[in-house]
Amino acid sequence: MAEAGVSLSLTLTGGDAVGRALFGLQFHVENLRPVHDEIGAAFLMRSQRCFEEERGPDGKPWKLLSAETVLKRAGGRAKVYNAKGGIRKPAAKRIGAIAILRESARLFQSMTYRATRTGVEIGTNAVYGRIHLLGGQAGRGRKVAIPARPYLPTKELPHGWAEDALAIVNDYIRGGLPR
């Protein structure tokens, strides 16, 4: 899935509450793929919500676009500013509609997940997915600093993500999902 991009994997060996619940469940159920499929779908929705709200999985807002990037996307100085230095009305509308990490929607649309009997992986195959997730230097000579704009958890599952996974496991235990 994420050969050139980036992914998050959840397996049965996790020491957190989700990992422990899945680990315990595997002794009672032959195939955990339906559970992992539901968790993958939930995590994909949460990741997509990060793009829509321009916030990380922890709820922290992403760093705003640089003024240079906004000017470029709005059509350049000549199309943004009038002769008196004010912002043209059409440019103001374009500027207001500029979304972070969604200029082409390629990264957003490339997000997918893969569920197996032993775990679930969510990520993207977009080669620039990692730099936007973790931040770093890019461009010719690595002169451009790209701030981290996380759309997947990078260390541990945030509270809401873990709650979703635990609720799915509990639904499965109560018979709410196909076995």
N, C-alpha and C. Protein backbone atom coordinates (compact mmCIF):
# COMPACT_ATOMS: atom_id res chain seq x y z
N MET A 1 0.81 -1.19 0.00
CA MET A 1 0.00 0.00 0.00
C MET A 1 0.85 1.25 0.00
N ALA A 2 1.77 1.37 0.93
CA ALA A 2 2.50 2.60 1.09
C ALA A 2 3.96 2.44 0.70
N GLU A 3 4.21 1.75 -0.40
CA GLU A 3 5.58 1.50 -0.80
C GLU A 3 6.38 2.79 -0.91
N ALA A 4 5.82 3.81 -1.51
CA ALA A 4 6.52 5.08 -1.65
C ALA A 4 5.95 6.13 -0.73
N GLY A 5 4.82 5.85 -0.11
CA GLY A 5 4.15 6.82 0.74
C GLY A 5 4.38 6.55 2.21
N VAL A 6 3.28 6.49 2.96
CA VAL A 6 3.37 6.33 4.40
C VAL A 6 2.12 5.60 4.88
N SER A 7 2.25 4.84 5.98
CA SER A 7 1.09 4.12 6.49
C SER A 7 1.17 3.97 8.00
N LEU A 8 0.03 3.64 8.59
CA LEU A 8 -0.11 3.32 10.00
C LEU A 8 -0.60 1.88 10.07
N SER A 9 0.05 1.06 10.87
CA SER A 9 -0.36 -0.34 11.01
C SER A 9 -0.83 -0.60 12.43
N LEU A 10 -1.89 -1.37 12.55
CA LEU A 10 -2.39 -1.82 13.84
C LEU A 10 -2.40 -3.33 13.81
N THR A 11 -1.65 -3.94 14.72
CA THR A 11 -1.57 -5.40 14.75
C THR A 11 -1.96 -5.92 16.12
N LEU A 12 -2.00 -7.23 16.24
CA LEU A 12 -2.45 -7.87 17.48
C LEU A 12 -1.47 -7.73 18.63
N THR A 13 -0.30 -7.22 18.39
CA THR A 13 0.72 -7.21 19.43
C THR A 13 0.75 -5.91 20.23
N GLY A 14 -0.13 -4.97 19.94
CA GLY A 14 -0.10 -3.68 20.62
C GLY A 14 -0.28 -3.81 22.11
N GLY A 15 0.44 -3.00 22.88
CA GLY A 15 0.35 -3.03 24.33
C GLY A 15 -0.71 -2.09 24.86
N ASP A 16 -1.34 -1.31 23.97
CA ASP A 16 -2.38 -0.39 24.41
C ASP A 16 -3.70 -1.13 24.56
N ALA A 17 -4.75 -0.44 24.95
CA ALA A 17 -6.04 -1.08 25.19
C ALA A 17 -6.59 -1.75 23.92
N VAL A 18 -6.41 -1.12 22.77
CA VAL A 18 -6.89 -1.69 21.52
C VAL A 18 -6.14 -2.98 21.21
N GLY A 19 -4.83 -2.95 21.32
CA GLY A 19 -4.03 -4.13 21.06
C GLY A 19 -4.37 -5.27 22.00
N ARG A 20 -4.58 -4.95 23.28
CA ARG A 20 -4.94 -5.99 24.25
C ARG A 20 -6.30 -6.58 23.94
N ALA A 21 -7.26 -5.73 23.57
CA ALA A 21 -8.60 -6.23 23.25
C ALA A 21 -8.56 -7.13 22.02
N LEU A 22 -7.83 -6.72 20.99
CA LEU A 22 -7.71 -7.54 19.78
C LEU A 22 -6.96 -8.83 20.07
N PHE A 23 -5.94 -8.73 20.90
CA PHE A 23 -5.16 -9.93 21.25
C PHE A 23 -6.04 -10.95 21.97
N GLY A 24 -6.85 -10.47 22.91
CA GLY A 24 -7.75 -11.37 23.63
C GLY A 24 -8.82 -11.95 22.73
N LEU A 25 -9.32 -11.15 21.81
CA LEU A 25 -10.38 -11.60 20.92
C LEU A 25 -9.91 -12.69 19.96
N GLN A 26 -8.65 -12.66 19.59
CA GLN A 26 -8.17 -13.64 18.61
C GLN A 26 -8.26 -15.08 19.11
N PHE A 27 -8.32 -15.28 20.42
CA PHE A 27 -8.43 -16.63 20.96
C PHE A 27 -9.86 -17.18 20.90
N HIS A 28 -10.82 -16.28 20.62
CA HIS A 28 -12.21 -16.69 20.57
C HIS A 28 -12.79 -16.66 19.16
N VAL A 29 -12.09 -16.05 18.25
CA VAL A 29 -12.59 -15.87 16.89
C VAL A 29 -11.51 -16.33 15.91
N GLU A 30 -11.91 -17.06 14.92
CA GLU A 30 -10.95 -17.59 13.95
C GLU A 30 -10.41 -16.51 13.01
N ASN A 31 -11.29 -15.61 12.58
CA ASN A 31 -10.91 -14.62 11.56
C ASN A 31 -11.24 -13.21 12.04
N LEU A 32 -10.24 -12.42 12.32
CA LEU A 32 -10.46 -11.04 12.77
C LEU A 32 -10.54 -10.03 11.62
N ARG A 33 -10.49 -10.51 10.40
CA ARG A 33 -10.53 -9.59 9.27
C ARG A 33 -11.76 -8.66 9.29
N PRO A 34 -12.98 -9.17 9.61
CA PRO A 34 -14.12 -8.24 9.67
C PRO A 34 -13.94 -7.12 10.69
N VAL A 35 -13.32 -7.44 11.82
CA VAL A 35 -13.05 -6.41 12.84
C VAL A 35 -12.04 -5.41 12.30
N HIS A 36 -10.98 -5.92 11.71
CA HIS A 36 -9.95 -5.03 11.16
C HIS A 36 -10.51 -4.18 10.02
N ASP A 37 -11.42 -4.75 9.25
CA ASP A 37 -12.05 -3.99 8.16
C ASP A 37 -12.85 -2.82 8.72
N GLU A 38 -13.61 -3.06 9.77
CA GLU A 38 -14.39 -1.99 10.40
C GLU A 38 -13.47 -0.93 11.00
N ILE A 39 -12.40 -1.36 11.65
CA ILE A 39 -11.44 -0.41 12.24
C ILE A 39 -10.78 0.40 11.13
N GLY A 40 -10.40 -0.25 10.04
CA GLY A 40 -9.80 0.47 8.91
C GLY A 40 -10.73 1.53 8.35
N ALA A 41 -12.01 1.19 8.20
CA ALA A 41 -12.98 2.15 7.69
C ALA A 41 -13.13 3.34 8.65
N ALA A 42 -13.16 3.05 9.95
CA ALA A 42 -13.27 4.13 10.95
C ALA A 42 -12.04 5.03 10.93
N PHE A 43 -10.86 4.43 10.83
CA PHE A 43 -9.62 5.22 10.80
C PHE A 43 -9.52 6.03 9.51
N LEU A 44 -9.98 5.47 8.41
CA LEU A 44 -9.98 6.22 7.16
C LEU A 44 -10.87 7.45 7.27
N MET A 45 -12.05 7.29 7.86
CA MET A 45 -12.93 8.45 8.06
C MET A 45 -12.28 9.50 8.96
N ARG A 46 -11.62 9.05 10.01
CA ARG A 46 -10.94 10.01 10.90
C ARG A 46 -9.81 10.73 10.17
N SER A 47 -9.06 10.00 9.35
CA SER A 47 -7.98 10.62 8.59
C SER A 47 -8.54 11.65 7.62
N GLN A 48 -9.61 11.31 6.94
CA GLN A 48 -10.23 12.24 6.00
C GLN A 48 -10.75 13.48 6.73
N ARG A 49 -11.24 13.28 7.94
CA ARG A 49 -11.70 14.42 8.74
C ARG A 49 -10.54 15.35 9.07
N CYS A 50 -9.34 14.79 9.26
CA CYS A 50 -8.16 15.64 9.50
C CYS A 50 -7.95 16.59 8.32
N PHE A 51 -8.08 16.09 7.10
CA PHE A 51 -7.94 16.94 5.91
C PHE A 51 -9.04 18.00 5.87
N GLU A 52 -10.27 17.59 6.11
CA GLU A 52 -11.41 18.50 6.02
C GLU A 52 -11.33 19.61 7.07
N GLU A 53 -10.91 19.27 8.27
CA GLU A 53 -10.85 20.24 9.37
C GLU A 53 -9.49 20.91 9.48
N GLU A 54 -8.52 20.44 8.69
CA GLU A 54 -7.15 20.95 8.72
C GLU A 54 -6.58 20.92 10.14
N ARG A 55 -6.74 19.73 10.74
CA ARG A 55 -6.27 19.47 12.11
C ARG A 55 -5.63 18.09 12.15
N GLY A 56 -4.68 17.92 13.06
CA GLY A 56 -4.07 16.61 13.24
C GLY A 56 -4.98 15.68 14.00
N PRO A 57 -4.63 14.40 14.09
CA PRO A 57 -5.43 13.44 14.84
C PRO A 57 -5.60 13.82 16.30
N ASP A 58 -4.67 14.61 16.82
CA ASP A 58 -4.75 15.07 18.21
C ASP A 58 -5.62 16.31 18.37
N GLY A 59 -6.16 16.83 17.26
CA GLY A 59 -7.02 18.01 17.31
C GLY A 59 -6.30 19.33 17.13
N LYS A 60 -4.98 19.31 17.08
CA LYS A 60 -4.23 20.55 16.92
C LYS A 60 -4.31 21.04 15.48
N PRO A 61 -4.59 22.35 15.28
CA PRO A 61 -4.68 22.88 13.90
C PRO A 61 -3.35 22.76 13.17
N TRP A 62 -3.43 22.52 11.87
CA TRP A 62 -2.24 22.51 11.03
C TRP A 62 -1.69 23.91 10.90
N LYS A 63 -0.40 23.99 10.66
CA LYS A 63 0.24 25.28 10.40
C LYS A 63 -0.34 25.85 9.09
N LEU A 64 -0.61 27.15 9.09
CA LEU A 64 -1.18 27.79 7.91
C LEU A 64 -0.21 27.77 6.74
N LEU A 65 -0.74 27.93 5.55
CA LEU A 65 0.11 28.03 4.37
C LEU A 65 0.92 29.32 4.43
N SER A 66 2.09 29.30 3.84
CA SER A 66 2.91 30.51 3.81
C SER A 66 2.25 31.53 2.88
N ALA A 67 2.57 32.80 3.09
CA ALA A 67 2.03 33.87 2.24
C ALA A 67 2.42 33.64 0.78
N GLU A 68 3.62 33.13 0.56
CA GLU A 68 4.09 32.86 -0.80
C GLU A 68 3.24 31.79 -1.48
N THR A 69 2.88 30.75 -0.75
CA THR A 69 2.04 29.68 -1.30
C THR A 69 0.64 30.21 -1.60
N VAL A 70 0.09 30.99 -0.70
CA VAL A 70 -1.25 31.55 -0.91
C VAL A 70 -1.26 32.44 -2.15
N LEU A 71 -0.25 33.30 -2.29
CA LEU A 71 -0.17 34.17 -3.48
C LEU A 71 -0.09 33.35 -4.76
N LYS A 72 0.73 32.32 -4.75
CA LYS A 72 0.90 31.48 -5.93
C LYS A 72 -0.42 30.81 -6.31
N ARG A 73 -1.12 30.25 -5.32
CA ARG A 73 -2.38 29.55 -5.60
C ARG A 73 -3.50 30.51 -5.99
N ALA A 74 -3.41 31.73 -5.56
CA ALA A 74 -4.45 32.72 -5.89
C ALA A 74 -4.21 33.36 -7.25
N GLY A 75 -3.13 33.02 -7.92
CA GLY A 75 -2.90 33.53 -9.27
C GLY A 75 -1.72 34.47 -9.41
N GLY A 76 -0.98 34.69 -8.36
CA GLY A 76 0.18 35.59 -8.43
C GLY A 76 -0.18 37.01 -8.03
N ARG A 77 0.84 37.80 -7.77
CA ARG A 77 0.65 39.19 -7.31
C ARG A 77 -0.25 40.01 -8.21
N ALA A 78 -0.04 39.92 -9.51
CA ALA A 78 -0.79 40.74 -10.45
C ALA A 78 -2.29 40.46 -10.37
N LYS A 79 -2.67 39.24 -10.10
CA LYS A 79 -4.09 38.89 -10.03
C LYS A 79 -4.66 39.09 -8.63
N VAL A 80 -3.80 39.20 -7.64
CA VAL A 80 -4.28 39.35 -6.26
C VAL A 80 -4.43 40.81 -5.88
N TYR A 81 -3.42 41.64 -6.20
CA TYR A 81 -3.44 43.04 -5.76
C TYR A 81 -3.86 43.97 -6.89
N ASN A 82 -4.60 45.01 -6.51
CA ASN A 82 -4.93 46.05 -7.48
C ASN A 82 -3.84 47.11 -7.47
N ALA A 83 -4.00 48.15 -8.29
CA ALA A 83 -2.96 49.19 -8.43
C ALA A 83 -2.70 49.92 -7.13
N LYS A 84 -3.68 50.00 -6.25
CA LYS A 84 -3.51 50.72 -4.98
C LYS A 84 -2.96 49.81 -3.87
N GLY A 85 -2.72 48.54 -4.21
CA GLY A 85 -2.17 47.61 -3.22
C GLY A 85 -3.21 46.84 -2.44
N GLY A 86 -4.48 47.07 -2.74
CA GLY A 86 -5.55 46.32 -2.08
C GLY A 86 -5.75 44.97 -2.75
N ILE A 87 -6.47 44.13 -2.09
CA ILE A 87 -6.74 42.79 -2.64
C ILE A 87 -8.00 42.87 -3.51
N ARG A 88 -7.89 42.36 -4.72
CA ARG A 88 -9.03 42.32 -5.64
C ARG A 88 -10.09 41.37 -5.09
N LYS A 89 -11.37 41.69 -5.33
CA LYS A 89 -12.47 40.86 -4.82
C LYS A 89 -12.41 39.41 -5.32
N PRO A 90 -12.18 39.18 -6.64
CA PRO A 90 -12.09 37.78 -7.08
C PRO A 90 -10.95 37.02 -6.38
N ALA A 91 -9.84 37.73 -6.14
CA ALA A 91 -8.71 37.09 -5.47
C ALA A 91 -9.05 36.76 -4.03
N ALA A 92 -9.79 37.64 -3.39
CA ALA A 92 -10.18 37.39 -2.00
C ALA A 92 -11.02 36.12 -1.91
N LYS A 93 -11.91 35.90 -2.89
CA LYS A 93 -12.71 34.68 -2.91
C LYS A 93 -11.83 33.46 -3.11
N ARG A 94 -10.87 33.56 -4.04
CA ARG A 94 -9.96 32.44 -4.27
C ARG A 94 -9.13 32.13 -3.03
N ILE A 95 -8.65 33.17 -2.39
CA ILE A 95 -7.83 32.98 -1.19
C ILE A 95 -8.64 32.30 -0.10
N GLY A 96 -9.89 32.72 0.06
CA GLY A 96 -10.75 32.13 1.09
C GLY A 96 -11.05 30.66 0.83
N ALA A 97 -10.95 30.23 -0.42
CA ALA A 97 -11.27 28.85 -0.77
C ALA A 97 -10.05 27.92 -0.79
N ILE A 98 -8.87 28.46 -0.53
CA ILE A 98 -7.66 27.64 -0.58
C ILE A 98 -7.61 26.72 0.63
N ALA A 99 -7.49 25.43 0.36
CA ALA A 99 -7.44 24.42 1.42
C ALA A 99 -6.01 23.90 1.56
N ILE A 100 -5.62 23.64 2.78
CA ILE A 100 -4.30 23.09 3.05
C ILE A 100 -4.29 21.61 2.66
N LEU A 101 -3.27 21.19 1.93
CA LEU A 101 -3.06 19.81 1.48
C LEU A 101 -4.18 19.27 0.58
N ARG A 102 -4.96 20.17 -0.02
CA ARG A 102 -6.03 19.68 -0.88
C ARG A 102 -6.13 20.47 -2.18
N GLU A 103 -5.02 20.99 -2.66
CA GLU A 103 -5.04 21.73 -3.92
C GLU A 103 -5.54 20.84 -5.06
N SER A 104 -5.00 19.63 -5.15
CA SER A 104 -5.44 18.70 -6.19
C SER A 104 -6.30 17.59 -5.61
N ALA A 105 -6.34 17.46 -4.32
CA ALA A 105 -7.05 16.41 -3.59
C ALA A 105 -6.42 15.03 -3.79
N ARG A 106 -5.27 14.95 -4.43
CA ARG A 106 -4.62 13.66 -4.70
C ARG A 106 -4.26 12.92 -3.40
N LEU A 107 -3.68 13.61 -2.45
CA LEU A 107 -3.29 12.96 -1.20
C LEU A 107 -4.53 12.48 -0.45
N PHE A 108 -5.52 13.34 -0.34
CA PHE A 108 -6.78 13.01 0.33
C PHE A 108 -7.42 11.78 -0.32
N GLN A 109 -7.49 11.78 -1.64
CA GLN A 109 -8.15 10.70 -2.37
C GLN A 109 -7.33 9.41 -2.39
N SER A 110 -6.04 9.52 -2.16
CA SER A 110 -5.20 8.32 -2.18
C SER A 110 -5.22 7.55 -0.86
N MET A 111 -5.82 8.11 0.16
CA MET A 111 -5.88 7.42 1.45
C MET A 111 -6.73 6.17 1.31
N THR A 112 -6.22 5.06 1.83
CA THR A 112 -6.92 3.79 1.76
C THR A 112 -6.49 2.92 2.92
N TYR A 113 -7.16 1.81 3.09
CA TYR A 113 -6.74 0.87 4.14
C TYR A 113 -6.81 -0.55 3.60
N ARG A 114 -6.09 -1.43 4.28
CA ARG A 114 -6.07 -2.85 3.93
C ARG A 114 -6.21 -3.65 5.24
N ALA A 115 -7.26 -4.45 5.31
CA ALA A 115 -7.49 -5.28 6.49
C ALA A 115 -7.10 -6.72 6.18
N THR A 116 -6.47 -7.35 7.14
CA THR A 116 -6.12 -8.77 7.03
C THR A 116 -6.59 -9.48 8.29
N ARG A 117 -6.30 -10.76 8.37
CA ARG A 117 -6.67 -11.53 9.57
C ARG A 117 -5.89 -11.07 10.80
N THR A 118 -4.71 -10.50 10.58
CA THR A 118 -3.84 -10.15 11.71
C THR A 118 -3.72 -8.66 11.99
N GLY A 119 -4.28 -7.80 11.15
CA GLY A 119 -4.15 -6.38 11.41
C GLY A 119 -4.78 -5.52 10.34
N VAL A 120 -4.56 -4.24 10.47
CA VAL A 120 -5.07 -3.28 9.49
C VAL A 120 -3.99 -2.23 9.25
N GLU A 121 -3.88 -1.80 8.02
CA GLU A 121 -2.91 -0.77 7.64
C GLU A 121 -3.67 0.32 6.90
N ILE A 122 -3.42 1.56 7.28
CA ILE A 122 -4.04 2.70 6.61
C ILE A 122 -2.93 3.62 6.15
N GLY A 123 -3.07 4.16 4.96
CA GLY A 123 -2.03 5.06 4.47
C GLY A 123 -2.29 5.52 3.06
N THR A 124 -1.22 5.98 2.43
CA THR A 124 -1.27 6.50 1.08
C THR A 124 -0.06 6.01 0.31
N ASN A 125 -0.20 5.91 -0.99
CA ASN A 125 0.96 5.59 -1.83
C ASN A 125 1.53 6.84 -2.48
N ALA A 126 0.99 8.00 -2.13
CA ALA A 126 1.51 9.26 -2.66
C ALA A 126 2.93 9.48 -2.12
N VAL A 127 3.89 9.69 -3.02
CA VAL A 127 5.29 9.79 -2.60
C VAL A 127 5.53 10.97 -1.66
N TYR A 128 4.70 11.99 -1.73
CA TYR A 128 4.89 13.16 -0.86
C TYR A 128 4.07 13.04 0.43
N GLY A 129 3.42 11.91 0.66
CA GLY A 129 2.62 11.73 1.86
C GLY A 129 3.43 11.83 3.14
N ARG A 130 4.63 11.25 3.13
CA ARG A 130 5.48 11.25 4.32
C ARG A 130 5.93 12.66 4.70
N ILE A 131 6.35 13.46 3.72
CA ILE A 131 6.86 14.81 4.04
C ILE A 131 5.75 15.67 4.63
N HIS A 132 4.52 15.50 4.15
CA HIS A 132 3.42 16.29 4.71
C HIS A 132 3.00 15.78 6.08
N LEU A 133 3.11 14.49 6.30
CA LEU A 133 2.76 13.91 7.59
C LEU A 133 3.76 14.30 8.68
N LEU A 134 5.05 14.17 8.36
CA LEU A 134 6.10 14.36 9.36
C LEU A 134 6.83 15.69 9.28
N GLY A 135 6.72 16.37 8.12
CA GLY A 135 7.46 17.61 7.91
C GLY A 135 8.89 17.33 7.52
N GLY A 136 9.59 18.36 7.07
CA GLY A 136 10.98 18.19 6.69
C GLY A 136 11.37 19.16 5.59
N GLN A 137 12.55 18.96 5.06
CA GLN A 137 13.08 19.82 3.99
C GLN A 137 12.77 19.19 2.65
N ALA A 138 12.38 20.01 1.67
CA ALA A 138 12.03 19.51 0.34
C ALA A 138 12.51 20.50 -0.71
N GLY A 139 12.27 20.15 -1.96
CA GLY A 139 12.63 21.03 -3.07
C GLY A 139 14.08 20.89 -3.47
N ARG A 140 14.46 21.68 -4.46
CA ARG A 140 15.85 21.65 -4.93
C ARG A 140 16.79 22.08 -3.81
N GLY A 141 17.75 21.24 -3.55
CA GLY A 141 18.70 21.55 -2.48
C GLY A 141 18.09 21.47 -1.09
N ARG A 142 16.89 20.93 -0.99
CA ARG A 142 16.19 20.81 0.29
C ARG A 142 16.13 22.15 1.02
N LYS A 143 15.79 23.21 0.27
CA LYS A 143 15.76 24.56 0.84
C LYS A 143 14.39 24.97 1.36
N VAL A 144 13.37 24.18 1.05
CA VAL A 144 12.01 24.54 1.47
C VAL A 144 11.63 23.72 2.69
N ALA A 145 11.25 24.42 3.75
CA ALA A 145 10.81 23.74 4.97
C ALA A 145 9.31 23.46 4.88
N ILE A 146 8.94 22.19 4.94
CA ILE A 146 7.54 21.78 4.91
C ILE A 146 7.15 21.46 6.35
N PRO A 147 6.17 22.16 6.91
CA PRO A 147 5.77 21.85 8.29
C PRO A 147 5.00 20.54 8.34
N ALA A 148 5.08 19.87 9.46
CA ALA A 148 4.31 18.64 9.65
C ALA A 148 2.83 19.00 9.72
N ARG A 149 2.04 18.28 8.94
CA ARG A 149 0.59 18.43 8.98
C ARG A 149 0.02 17.02 9.08
N PRO A 150 0.03 16.47 10.30
CA PRO A 150 -0.35 15.07 10.47
C PRO A 150 -1.81 14.79 10.13
N TYR A 151 -2.01 13.73 9.38
CA TYR A 151 -3.34 13.25 9.04
C TYR A 151 -3.51 11.80 9.48
N LEU A 152 -2.45 11.23 10.05
CA LEU A 152 -2.45 9.92 10.68
C LEU A 152 -1.71 10.05 12.00
N PRO A 153 -2.05 9.24 12.99
CA PRO A 153 -1.25 9.26 14.22
C PRO A 153 0.19 8.84 13.92
N THR A 154 1.15 9.48 14.55
CA THR A 154 2.55 9.14 14.29
C THR A 154 3.19 8.39 15.46
N LYS A 155 2.59 8.42 16.62
CA LYS A 155 3.17 7.71 17.77
C LYS A 155 2.19 6.70 18.33
N GLU A 156 1.15 7.17 18.96
CA GLU A 156 0.15 6.27 19.52
C GLU A 156 -1.23 6.75 19.07
N LEU A 157 -2.21 5.87 19.21
CA LEU A 157 -3.56 6.25 18.79
C LEU A 157 -4.11 7.33 19.70
N PRO A 158 -4.57 8.44 19.13
CA PRO A 158 -5.23 9.45 19.96
C PRO A 158 -6.50 8.87 20.58
N HIS A 159 -6.97 9.52 21.60
CA HIS A 159 -8.10 9.02 22.38
C HIS A 159 -9.30 8.65 21.51
N GLY A 160 -9.74 9.52 20.64
CA GLY A 160 -10.92 9.26 19.81
C GLY A 160 -10.73 8.07 18.88
N TRP A 161 -9.53 7.94 18.32
CA TRP A 161 -9.23 6.82 17.42
C TRP A 161 -9.28 5.51 18.20
N ALA A 162 -8.68 5.51 19.38
CA ALA A 162 -8.68 4.30 20.21
C ALA A 162 -10.09 3.95 20.66
N GLU A 163 -10.89 4.96 21.01
CA GLU A 163 -12.28 4.72 21.41
C GLU A 163 -13.06 4.06 20.28
N ASP A 164 -12.86 4.55 19.04
CA ASP A 164 -13.54 3.96 17.89
C ASP A 164 -13.18 2.48 17.75
N ALA A 165 -11.89 2.18 17.83
CA ALA A 165 -11.44 0.79 17.68
C ALA A 165 -11.99 -0.09 18.79
N LEU A 166 -11.96 0.41 20.03
CA LEU A 166 -12.49 -0.39 21.15
C LEU A 166 -13.99 -0.62 21.00
N ALA A 167 -14.72 0.39 20.53
CA ALA A 167 -16.16 0.24 20.34
C ALA A 167 -16.44 -0.83 19.28
N ILE A 168 -15.64 -0.86 18.23
CA ILE A 168 -15.81 -1.87 17.18
C ILE A 168 -15.53 -3.27 17.73
N VAL A 169 -14.45 -3.40 18.50
CA VAL A 169 -14.13 -4.70 19.11
C VAL A 169 -15.26 -5.13 20.04
N ASN A 170 -15.76 -4.20 20.85
CA ASN A 170 -16.85 -4.53 21.77
C ASN A 170 -18.13 -4.91 21.02
N ASP A 171 -18.43 -4.21 19.92
CA ASP A 171 -19.59 -4.58 19.09
C ASP A 171 -19.43 -5.99 18.56
N TYR A 172 -18.24 -6.31 18.16
CA TYR A 172 -17.96 -7.65 17.62
C TYR A 172 -18.17 -8.71 18.70
N ILE A 173 -17.70 -8.41 19.90
CA ILE A 173 -17.86 -9.35 21.01
C ILE A 173 -19.34 -9.57 21.32
N ARG A 174 -20.12 -8.50 21.24
CA ARG A 174 -21.56 -8.60 21.53
C ARG A 174 -22.35 -9.16 20.35
N GLY A 175 -21.65 -9.48 19.26
CA GLY A 175 -22.33 -10.08 18.12
C GLY A 175 -22.83 -9.09 17.09
N GLY A 176 -22.35 -7.86 17.15
CA GLY A 176 -22.83 -6.81 16.24
C GLY A 176 -22.19 -6.84 14.86
N LEU A 177 -21.12 -7.59 14.68
CA LEU A 177 -20.46 -7.67 13.38
C LEU A 177 -20.46 -9.12 12.90
N PRO A 178 -20.39 -9.34 11.61
CA PRO A 178 -20.34 -10.72 11.11
C PRO A 178 -19.10 -11.43 11.58
N ARG A 179 -19.22 -12.71 11.85
CA ARG A 179 -18.08 -13.50 12.34
C ARG A 179 -17.47 -14.31 11.27
